[in-house]
Amino acid sequence: MRCYEAAGCSEQKRSECFLYSAFQDKREEMENLPCFIIKGRSQEKEQKKSCGCGKCCYFKAINRDGLELKNGANSSLVIVCRGVLNDTKADAFTTIIQRFERIEPSNVVLDFTSVTNIYSSCIGKIVRLHLLCQKKGGKLIVAGAGQHLQVLMESLKLDRIFVLTTGVESAEQYLLALQKKKEAAREKRDVSGRKLCNKGTQRCWEYFKGHNPRNATSCDECAVKSSDLKKPCWIIEKVSEGVAIEYVNEECCCCKYYEESAERKDSQ
C-alpha cells in the first residue's frame, strides 16, 4: 500500500508533494512508507501542515491502534503489533506489562510482520518486557520484523538482546527446541542425582569389596572402617593452634575410588 494510492491523491497533489518527487525513480520503496513521520510531524514549523494526517485514510490503515494478544505455544504470549508503534501503543504496552506480571506464560513473541515503524517510547517498553521475561526464566522474541526494523535494532544493539526470527512459526519452533533442551538437561540432572544418591553412600571398604589391592591387610583391619568415620577416607584432619584443618591425602590422589568419588562430589 502506498500513501498516494490510498489517499487518492490527484496528479497535482502528487506533483506538489516533496516525498512523491523524492521517490520518483523508486516508487516500490514507498510501500507502507510512514509519510506522516517523514513530513516532520514532530517539528513545530510543520505541525500545521501535518495535523490533517490523523484524518487520512492511509494514516488510519497503517497506524491502527491497539495490540492484539494471543496465547501461543510453549508457554508463550503472542502480541500482534501493526502499523507504527507510537506513544499511544507505548501506553498499551504498559498495560500488557502489568498483566504479564500476573499471568503464567514466561515467553513473549512480538509479531512485527505488519509493523512499519517504532518510536523510542515503545522500544523502552519492549526492553522492560524483555527484562520481565528474563526474570520469569523465559525469552522475548521479535518475529517477522522488516529489513528496516532489523537495521534499526542492529544500530541500537538490540539484536544482541532480543531473539529475532523470520515469523511467529519459527519463533514457536525456537521455543519448542529450547523447551526440549531444558527438559533434556533436567532429565540428565535427575539421572545424575539418582546415581549419586545410589553411589554416594558407598564407603571405601564396600567399593573395594573388603580389600584394597594397594594394602597388605584387609579392610576389616583398617582404622577407617573400625572408627566408622562419616568423612571420606582420603580426608586427613589435623588441629593446629586450636584450629581444625582438613586436607586431601596426597597418596590417595591416584586411587580409583578417590577419583570416582571426588568427581561425583564436584558434579553436585
C-alpha atoms as a PDB file:
ATOM      1  CA  MET A   1       0.000   0.000   0.000  1.00  0.00           C
ATOM      2  CA  ARG A   2       1.312   3.442  -0.969  1.00  0.00           C
ATOM      3  CA  CYS A   3       0.173   6.713   0.551  1.00  0.00           C
ATOM      4  CA  TYR A   4      -0.768   8.481  -2.698  1.00  0.00           C
ATOM      5  CA  GLU A   5      -2.798   5.484  -3.838  1.00  0.00           C
ATOM      6  CA  ALA A   6      -4.644   5.020  -0.542  1.00  0.00           C
ATOM      7  CA  ALA A   7      -5.354   8.727  -0.188  1.00  0.00           C
ATOM      8  CA  GLY A   8      -6.358   9.057  -3.867  1.00  0.00           C
ATOM      9  CA  CYS A   9      -4.035  11.995  -4.468  1.00  0.00           C
ATOM     10  CA  SER A  10      -4.518  13.800  -7.762  1.00  0.00           C
ATOM     11  CA  GLU A  11      -1.650  14.375 -10.162  1.00  0.00           C
ATOM     12  CA  GLN A  12      -1.459  17.972  -8.958  1.00  0.00           C
ATOM     13  CA  LYS A  13      -1.176  16.929  -5.299  1.00  0.00           C
ATOM     14  CA  ARG A  14       1.447  14.385  -6.214  1.00  0.00           C
ATOM     15  CA  SER A  15       3.490  16.972  -8.070  1.00  0.00           C
ATOM     16  CA  GLU A  16       3.339  19.262  -5.016  1.00  0.00           C
ATOM     17  CA  CYS A  17       4.453  16.507  -2.623  1.00  0.00           C
ATOM     18  CA  PHE A  18       8.212  16.534  -1.972  1.00  0.00           C
ATOM     19  CA  LEU A  19       8.068  12.908  -0.832  1.00  0.00           C
ATOM     20  CA  TYR A  20       6.500  11.758  -4.107  1.00  0.00           C
ATOM     21  CA  SER A  21       9.200  13.651  -6.013  1.00  0.00           C
ATOM     22  CA  ALA A  22      11.981  12.233  -3.826  1.00  0.00           C
ATOM     23  CA  PHE A  23      10.967   8.659  -4.724  1.00  0.00           C
ATOM     24  CA  GLN A  24      10.311   9.421  -8.387  1.00  0.00           C
ATOM     25  CA  ASP A  25      12.641   6.672  -9.609  1.00  0.00           C
ATOM     26  CA  LYS A  26      11.942   4.262  -6.725  1.00  0.00           C
ATOM     27  CA  ARG A  27       8.203   4.028  -6.299  1.00  0.00           C
ATOM     28  CA  GLU A  28       8.472   0.493  -4.863  1.00  0.00           C
ATOM     29  CA  GLU A  29      10.253   1.929  -1.807  1.00  0.00           C
ATOM     30  CA  MET A  30       7.134   3.926  -0.952  1.00  0.00           C
ATOM     31  CA  GLU A  31       5.344   0.716   0.008  1.00  0.00           C
ATOM     32  CA  ASN A  32       3.998   1.204   3.570  1.00  0.00           C
ATOM     33  CA  LEU A  33       6.205   4.273   3.928  1.00  0.00           C
ATOM     34  CA  PRO A  34       5.177   6.337   7.003  1.00  0.00           C
ATOM     35  CA  CYS A  35       4.923   9.679   5.188  1.00  0.00           C
ATOM     36  CA  PHE A  36       3.288  11.286   8.217  1.00  0.00           C
ATOM     37  CA  ILE A  37       6.579  10.905  10.095  1.00  0.00           C
ATOM     38  CA  ILE A  38       8.889  11.868   7.249  1.00  0.00           C
ATOM     39  CA  LYS A  39       6.936  15.075   6.719  1.00  0.00           C
ATOM     40  CA  GLY A  40       8.211  16.225  10.091  1.00  0.00           C
ATOM     41  CA  ARG A  41       5.085  15.903  12.162  1.00  0.00           C
ATOM     42  CA  SER A  42       7.103  16.350  15.316  1.00  0.00           C
ATOM     43  CA  GLN A  43       8.655  19.599  14.104  1.00  0.00           C
ATOM     44  CA  GLU A  44       6.851  22.703  15.273  1.00  0.00           C
ATOM     45  CA  LYS A  45       7.083  24.514  11.935  1.00  0.00           C
ATOM     46  CA  GLU A  46       5.461  21.542  10.166  1.00  0.00           C
ATOM     47  CA  GLN A  47       2.757  20.981  12.772  1.00  0.00           C
ATOM     48  CA  LYS A  48       0.040  22.833  10.873  1.00  0.00           C
ATOM     49  CA  LYS A  49       0.886  21.141   7.607  1.00  0.00           C
ATOM     50  CA  SER A  50       0.668  17.619   9.039  1.00  0.00           C
ATOM     51  CA  CYS A  51      -2.210  17.998  11.503  1.00  0.00           C
ATOM     52  CA  GLY A  52      -4.551  16.534   8.878  1.00  0.00           C
ATOM     53  CA  CYS A  53      -2.695  13.189   8.868  1.00  0.00           C
ATOM     54  CA  GLY A  54      -4.936  11.875  11.646  1.00  0.00           C
ATOM     55  CA  LYS A  55      -7.923  12.078   9.292  1.00  0.00           C
ATOM     56  CA  CYS A  56      -6.109  10.499   6.330  1.00  0.00           C
ATOM     57  CA  CYS A  57      -7.336   7.007   5.386  1.00  0.00           C
ATOM     58  CA  TYR A  58      -3.723   5.927   4.722  1.00  0.00           C
ATOM     59  CA  PHE A  59      -2.671   7.066   8.214  1.00  0.00           C
ATOM     60  CA  LYS A  60      -5.582   5.137   9.750  1.00  0.00           C
ATOM     61  CA  ALA A  61      -4.775   1.995   7.752  1.00  0.00           C
ATOM     62  CA  ILE A  62      -1.084   1.954   8.548  1.00  0.00           C
ATOM     63  CA  ASN A  63      -1.344   3.261  12.095  1.00  0.00           C
ATOM     64  CA  ARG A  64      -4.152   1.195  13.579  1.00  0.00           C
ATOM     65  CA  ASP A  65      -4.433   1.450  17.352  1.00  0.00           C
ATOM     66  CA  GLY A  66      -4.418  -1.490  19.718  1.00  0.00           C
ATOM     67  CA  LEU A  67      -2.288  -4.562  20.242  1.00  0.00           C
ATOM     68  CA  GLU A  68      -3.810  -7.989  19.797  1.00  0.00           C
ATOM     69  CA  LEU A  69      -2.981 -10.665  22.372  1.00  0.00           C
ATOM     70  CA  LYS A  70      -2.990 -14.393  21.648  1.00  0.00           C
ATOM     71  CA  ASN A  71      -1.991 -17.495  23.564  1.00  0.00           C
ATOM     72  CA  GLY A  72       0.959 -19.091  21.810  1.00  0.00           C
ATOM     73  CA  ALA A  73       2.588 -22.474  22.056  1.00  0.00           C
ATOM     74  CA  ASN A  74       5.226 -23.458  24.637  1.00  0.00           C
ATOM     75  CA  SER A  75       4.002 -21.165  27.411  1.00  0.00           C
ATOM     76  CA  SER A  76       4.141 -18.001  25.339  1.00  0.00           C
ATOM     77  CA  LEU A  77       2.092 -14.860  24.891  1.00  0.00           C
ATOM     78  CA  VAL A  78       1.892 -13.617  21.291  1.00  0.00           C
ATOM     79  CA  ILE A  79       1.453  -9.855  20.862  1.00  0.00           C
ATOM     80  CA  VAL A  80       0.372  -8.938  17.337  1.00  0.00           C
ATOM     81  CA  CYS A  81       1.593  -5.431  16.507  1.00  0.00           C
ATOM     82  CA  ARG A  82       0.527  -3.401  13.472  1.00  0.00           C
ATOM     83  CA  GLY A  83       1.410  -0.126  11.834  1.00  0.00           C
ATOM     84  CA  VAL A  84       3.510   2.356  13.749  1.00  0.00           C
ATOM     85  CA  LEU A  85       4.367   1.571  17.369  1.00  0.00           C
ATOM     86  CA  ASN A  86       3.921   5.112  18.653  1.00  0.00           C
ATOM     87  CA  ASP A  87       3.320   6.769  22.030  1.00  0.00           C
ATOM     88  CA  THR A  88      -0.290   5.574  22.088  1.00  0.00           C
ATOM     89  CA  LYS A  89       0.831   1.974  21.743  1.00  0.00           C
ATOM     90  CA  ALA A  90       3.512   2.553  24.359  1.00  0.00           C
ATOM     91  CA  ASP A  91       0.656   3.071  26.818  1.00  0.00           C
ATOM     92  CA  ALA A  92      -0.887  -0.180  25.585  1.00  0.00           C
ATOM     93  CA  PHE A  93       2.451  -1.939  26.225  1.00  0.00           C
ATOM     94  CA  THR A  94       2.410  -0.622  29.794  1.00  0.00           C
ATOM     95  CA  THR A  95      -0.978  -2.277  30.350  1.00  0.00           C
ATOM     96  CA  ILE A  96       0.297  -5.529  28.843  1.00  0.00           C
ATOM     97  CA  ILE A  97       3.398  -5.493  31.069  1.00  0.00           C
ATOM     98  CA  GLN A  98       1.227  -5.091  34.162  1.00  0.00           C
ATOM     99  CA  ARG A  99      -0.902  -8.009  33.022  1.00  0.00           C
ATOM    100  CA  PHE A 100       2.094 -10.170  32.083  1.00  0.00           C
ATOM    101  CA  GLU A 101       3.477  -9.853  35.612  1.00  0.00           C
ATOM    102  CA  ARG A 102       0.379 -11.642  36.944  1.00  0.00           C
ATOM    103  CA  ILE A 103      -0.044 -14.442  34.378  1.00  0.00           C
ATOM    104  CA  GLU A 104       1.746 -17.757  33.921  1.00  0.00           C
ATOM    105  CA  PRO A 105       3.454 -17.536  30.456  1.00  0.00           C
ATOM    106  CA  SER A 106       7.164 -16.745  30.669  1.00  0.00           C
ATOM    107  CA  ASN A 107       7.818 -16.220  26.941  1.00  0.00           C
ATOM    108  CA  VAL A 108       6.652 -13.354  24.727  1.00  0.00           C
ATOM    109  CA  VAL A 109       6.533 -13.363  20.926  1.00  0.00           C
ATOM    110  CA  LEU A 110       6.165  -9.925  19.325  1.00  0.00           C
ATOM    111  CA  ASP A 111       4.635 -10.336  15.871  1.00  0.00           C
ATOM    112  CA  PHE A 112       6.216  -7.469  13.900  1.00  0.00           C
ATOM    113  CA  THR A 113       5.069  -8.720  10.497  1.00  0.00           C
ATOM    114  CA  SER A 114       2.828  -5.678   9.951  1.00  0.00           C
ATOM    115  CA  VAL A 115       4.904  -3.101  11.846  1.00  0.00           C
ATOM    116  CA  THR A 116       6.147  -0.181   9.746  1.00  0.00           C
ATOM    117  CA  ASN A 117       7.967   1.908  12.332  1.00  0.00           C
ATOM    118  CA  ILE A 118       8.643   2.116  16.047  1.00  0.00           C
ATOM    119  CA  TYR A 119       9.069   5.055  18.429  1.00  0.00           C
ATOM    120  CA  SER A 120      11.715   5.158  21.138  1.00  0.00           C
ATOM    121  CA  SER A 121       8.962   5.089  23.782  1.00  0.00           C
ATOM    122  CA  CYS A 122       7.877   1.652  22.566  1.00  0.00           C
ATOM    123  CA  ILE A 123      11.463   0.399  22.399  1.00  0.00           C
ATOM    124  CA  GLY A 124      11.801   1.245  26.093  1.00  0.00           C
ATOM    125  CA  LYS A 125       8.641  -0.708  26.908  1.00  0.00           C
ATOM    126  CA  ILE A 126       9.820  -3.721  24.905  1.00  0.00           C
ATOM    127  CA  VAL A 127      13.160  -3.729  26.732  1.00  0.00           C
ATOM    128  CA  ARG A 128      11.245  -3.678  30.012  1.00  0.00           C
ATOM    129  CA  LEU A 129       9.123  -6.590  28.798  1.00  0.00           C
ATOM    130  CA  HIS A 130      12.323  -8.459  27.857  1.00  0.00           C
ATOM    131  CA  LEU A 131      13.700  -7.999  31.384  1.00  0.00           C
ATOM    132  CA  LEU A 132      10.446  -9.298  32.833  1.00  0.00           C
ATOM    133  CA  CYS A 133      10.697 -12.402  30.619  1.00  0.00           C
ATOM    134  CA  GLN A 134      14.233 -12.968  31.858  1.00  0.00           C
ATOM    135  CA  LYS A 135      13.055 -12.671  35.454  1.00  0.00           C
ATOM    136  CA  LYS A 136      10.444 -15.371  34.785  1.00  0.00           C
ATOM    137  CA  GLY A 137      13.054 -17.582  33.092  1.00  0.00           C
ATOM    138  CA  GLY A 138      11.682 -17.004  29.595  1.00  0.00           C
ATOM    139  CA  LYS A 139      12.544 -15.295  26.319  1.00  0.00           C
ATOM    140  CA  LEU A 140      11.303 -12.334  24.301  1.00  0.00           C
ATOM    141  CA  ILE A 141      11.280 -12.984  20.566  1.00  0.00           C
ATOM    142  CA  VAL A 142      10.738 -10.416  17.826  1.00  0.00           C
ATOM    143  CA  ALA A 143       9.179 -12.236  14.876  1.00  0.00           C
ATOM    144  CA  GLY A 144       8.812 -11.110  11.280  1.00  0.00           C
ATOM    145  CA  ALA A 145      10.474  -7.686  11.562  1.00  0.00           C
ATOM    146  CA  GLY A 146      11.060  -5.988   8.213  1.00  0.00           C
ATOM    147  CA  GLN A 147      14.528  -5.168   6.968  1.00  0.00           C
ATOM    148  CA  HIS A 148      14.402  -1.508   8.032  1.00  0.00           C
ATOM    149  CA  LEU A 149      13.364  -2.533  11.569  1.00  0.00           C
ATOM    150  CA  GLN A 150      16.151  -5.096  11.713  1.00  0.00           C
ATOM    151  CA  VAL A 151      18.632  -2.379  10.699  1.00  0.00           C
ATOM    152  CA  LEU A 152      17.219  -0.152  13.453  1.00  0.00           C
ATOM    153  CA  MET A 153      17.598  -2.890  16.063  1.00  0.00           C
ATOM    154  CA  GLU A 154      21.130  -3.649  14.916  1.00  0.00           C
ATOM    155  CA  SER A 155      22.071   0.036  15.154  1.00  0.00           C
ATOM    156  CA  LEU A 156      20.760   0.080  18.746  1.00  0.00           C
ATOM    157  CA  LYS A 157      22.464  -3.287  19.507  1.00  0.00           C
ATOM    158  CA  LEU A 158      19.042  -4.740  20.329  1.00  0.00           C
ATOM    159  CA  ASP A 159      19.759  -7.766  18.127  1.00  0.00           C
ATOM    160  CA  ARG A 160      22.158  -8.840  20.900  1.00  0.00           C
ATOM    161  CA  ILE A 161      19.351  -8.691  23.446  1.00  0.00           C
ATOM    162  CA  PHE A 162      16.265  -9.917  21.613  1.00  0.00           C
ATOM    163  CA  VAL A 163      15.899 -13.157  19.687  1.00  0.00           C
ATOM    164  CA  LEU A 164      14.975 -12.313  16.065  1.00  0.00           C
ATOM    165  CA  THR A 165      13.104 -14.829  13.905  1.00  0.00           C
ATOM    166  CA  THR A 166      11.540 -14.679  10.457  1.00  0.00           C
ATOM    167  CA  GLY A 167       7.993 -15.219  11.733  1.00  0.00           C
ATOM    168  CA  VAL A 168       5.738 -16.446  14.527  1.00  0.00           C
ATOM    169  CA  GLU A 169       6.014 -20.059  13.375  1.00  0.00           C
ATOM    170  CA  SER A 170       9.814 -20.005  13.519  1.00  0.00           C
ATOM    171  CA  ALA A 171       9.596 -18.309  16.922  1.00  0.00           C
ATOM    172  CA  GLU A 172       7.436 -21.144  18.242  1.00  0.00           C
ATOM    173  CA  GLN A 173       9.862 -23.685  16.777  1.00  0.00           C
ATOM    174  CA  TYR A 174      12.691 -21.897  18.582  1.00  0.00           C
ATOM    175  CA  LEU A 175      10.772 -22.037  21.875  1.00  0.00           C
ATOM    176  CA  LEU A 176       9.953 -25.720  21.337  1.00  0.00           C
ATOM    177  CA  ALA A 177      13.632 -26.550  20.737  1.00  0.00           C
ATOM    178  CA  LEU A 178      14.579 -24.519  23.811  1.00  0.00           C
ATOM    179  CA  GLN A 179      11.978 -26.340  25.913  1.00  0.00           C
ATOM    180  CA  LYS A 180      13.257 -29.741  24.754  1.00  0.00           C
ATOM    181  CA  LYS A 181      16.801 -28.689  25.582  1.00  0.00           C
ATOM    182  CA  LYS A 182      15.752 -27.656  29.101  1.00  0.00           C
ATOM    183  CA  GLU A 183      13.855 -30.906  29.629  1.00  0.00           C
ATOM    184  CA  ALA A 184      16.848 -32.952  28.452  1.00  0.00           C
ATOM    185  CA  ALA A 185      19.139 -31.063  30.826  1.00  0.00           C
ATOM    186  CA  ARG A 186      16.651 -31.546  33.674  1.00  0.00           C
ATOM    187  CA  GLU A 187      16.405 -35.272  32.960  1.00  0.00           C
ATOM    188  CA  LYS A 188      20.180 -35.543  32.879  1.00  0.00           C
ATOM    189  CA  ARG A 189      20.401 -33.841  36.260  1.00  0.00           C
ATOM    190  CA  ASP A 190      17.726 -36.135  37.675  1.00  0.00           C
ATOM    191  CA  VAL A 191      19.535 -39.242  36.415  1.00  0.00           C
ATOM    192  CA  SER A 192      22.838 -37.972  37.776  1.00  0.00           C
ATOM    193  CA  GLY A 193      21.133 -37.222  41.072  1.00  0.00           C
ATOM    194  CA  ARG A 194      19.739 -40.740  41.305  1.00  0.00           C
ATOM    195  CA  LYS A 195      23.164 -42.219  40.545  1.00  0.00           C
ATOM    196  CA  LEU A 196      24.785 -40.011  43.121  1.00  0.00           C
ATOM    197  CA  CYS A 197      22.140 -40.987  45.623  1.00  0.00           C
ATOM    198  CA  ASN A 198      22.793 -44.656  44.944  1.00  0.00           C
ATOM    199  CA  LYS A 199      26.555 -44.356  44.975  1.00  0.00           C
ATOM    200  CA  GLY A 200      27.034 -41.502  47.367  1.00  0.00           C
ATOM    201  CA  THR A 201      26.761 -43.688  50.470  1.00  0.00           C
ATOM    202  CA  GLN A 202      29.200 -46.325  49.227  1.00  0.00           C
ATOM    203  CA  ARG A 203      32.188 -46.484  51.546  1.00  0.00           C
ATOM    204  CA  CYS A 204      35.723 -47.404  50.540  1.00  0.00           C
ATOM    205  CA  TRP A 205      35.595 -50.929  52.001  1.00  0.00           C
ATOM    206  CA  GLU A 206      32.351 -51.553  50.103  1.00  0.00           C
ATOM    207  CA  TYR A 207      33.894 -50.208  46.896  1.00  0.00           C
ATOM    208  CA  PHE A 208      36.958 -52.470  47.244  1.00  0.00           C
ATOM    209  CA  LYS A 209      34.825 -55.396  48.499  1.00  0.00           C
ATOM    210  CA  GLY A 210      36.813 -55.865  51.664  1.00  0.00           C
ATOM    211  CA  HIS A 211      40.337 -55.497  50.303  1.00  0.00           C
ATOM    212  CA  ASN A 212      42.176 -52.618  48.678  1.00  0.00           C
ATOM    213  CA  PRO A 213      44.820 -54.198  46.413  1.00  0.00           C
ATOM    214  CA  ARG A 214      47.248 -51.436  47.410  1.00  0.00           C
ATOM    215  CA  ASN A 215      47.122 -52.528  51.041  1.00  0.00           C
ATOM    216  CA  ALA A 216      48.638 -55.655  52.552  1.00  0.00           C
ATOM    217  CA  THR A 217      45.828 -56.039  55.084  1.00  0.00           C
ATOM    218  CA  SER A 218      42.081 -56.405  54.615  1.00  0.00           C
ATOM    219  CA  CYS A 219      39.564 -53.584  55.122  1.00  0.00           C
ATOM    220  CA  ASP A 220      38.391 -55.163  58.396  1.00  0.00           C
ATOM    221  CA  GLU A 221      41.761 -54.283  59.915  1.00  0.00           C
ATOM    222  CA  CYS A 222      41.670 -50.694  58.649  1.00  0.00           C
ATOM    223  CA  ALA A 223      41.208 -47.865  61.167  1.00  0.00           C
ATOM    224  CA  VAL A 224      38.851 -46.045  58.796  1.00  0.00           C
ATOM    225  CA  LYS A 225      36.307 -48.861  58.931  1.00  0.00           C
ATOM    226  CA  SER A 226      36.678 -49.605  62.619  1.00  0.00           C
ATOM    227  CA  SER A 227      36.241 -45.947  63.582  1.00  0.00           C
ATOM    228  CA  ASP A 228      33.196 -45.661  61.287  1.00  0.00           C
ATOM    229  CA  LEU A 229      34.012 -42.055  60.377  1.00  0.00           C
ATOM    230  CA  LYS A 230      31.466 -40.259  58.217  1.00  0.00           C
ATOM    231  CA  LYS A 231      34.162 -38.389  56.322  1.00  0.00           C
ATOM    232  CA  PRO A 232      35.789 -39.862  53.188  1.00  0.00           C
ATOM    233  CA  CYS A 233      38.881 -41.930  53.838  1.00  0.00           C
ATOM    234  CA  TRP A 234      41.099 -39.598  51.803  1.00  0.00           C
ATOM    235  CA  ILE A 235      40.454 -36.664  54.152  1.00  0.00           C
ATOM    236  CA  ILE A 236      43.083 -36.015  56.811  1.00  0.00           C
ATOM    237  CA  GLU A 237      42.174 -33.817  59.759  1.00  0.00           C
ATOM    238  CA  LYS A 238      44.692 -32.037  61.948  1.00  0.00           C
ATOM    239  CA  VAL A 239      44.366 -29.449  64.689  1.00  0.00           C
ATOM    240  CA  SER A 240      46.841 -26.600  64.574  1.00  0.00           C
ATOM    241  CA  GLU A 241      46.785 -23.991  67.321  1.00  0.00           C
ATOM    242  CA  GLY A 242      43.222 -24.879  68.152  1.00  0.00           C
ATOM    243  CA  VAL A 243      42.036 -24.688  64.515  1.00  0.00           C
ATOM    244  CA  ALA A 244      40.849 -27.861  62.755  1.00  0.00           C
ATOM    245  CA  ILE A 245      42.359 -28.232  59.269  1.00  0.00           C
ATOM    246  CA  GLU A 246      41.250 -30.749  56.649  1.00  0.00           C
ATOM    247  CA  TYR A 247      43.154 -31.662  53.502  1.00  0.00           C
ATOM    248  CA  VAL A 248      43.390 -34.455  50.947  1.00  0.00           C
ATOM    249  CA  ASN A 249      45.927 -37.188  51.496  1.00  0.00           C
ATOM    250  CA  GLU A 250      48.317 -36.937  48.534  1.00  0.00           C
ATOM    251  CA  GLU A 251      48.732 -40.718  48.466  1.00  0.00           C
ATOM    252  CA  CYS A 252      45.026 -41.048  47.646  1.00  0.00           C
ATOM    253  CA  CYS A 253      45.144 -38.840  44.542  1.00  0.00           C
ATOM    254  CA  CYS A 254      45.959 -41.774  42.263  1.00  0.00           C
ATOM    255  CA  CYS A 255      43.339 -44.036  43.861  1.00  0.00           C
ATOM    256  CA  LYS A 256      40.444 -45.082  41.602  1.00  0.00           C
ATOM    257  CA  TYR A 257      37.938 -44.818  44.456  1.00  0.00           C
ATOM    258  CA  TYR A 258      39.063 -41.245  45.179  1.00  0.00           C
ATOM    259  CA  GLU A 259      38.903 -40.216  41.514  1.00  0.00           C
ATOM    260  CA  GLU A 260      35.352 -41.502  41.048  1.00  0.00           C
ATOM    261  CA  SER A 261      34.046 -40.257  44.398  1.00  0.00           C
ATOM    262  CA  ALA A 262      35.642 -36.819  44.095  1.00  0.00           C
ATOM    263  CA  GLU A 263      34.193 -36.476  40.574  1.00  0.00           C
ATOM    264  CA  ARG A 264      30.704 -37.233  41.901  1.00  0.00           C
ATOM    265  CA  LYS A 265      31.085 -34.616  44.618  1.00  0.00           C
ATOM    266  CA  ASP A 266      32.272 -31.999  42.107  1.00  0.00           C
ATOM    267  CA  SER A 267      29.222 -32.661  39.914  1.00  0.00           C
ATOM    268  CA  GLN A 268      26.988 -31.989  42.916  1.00  0.00           C
END
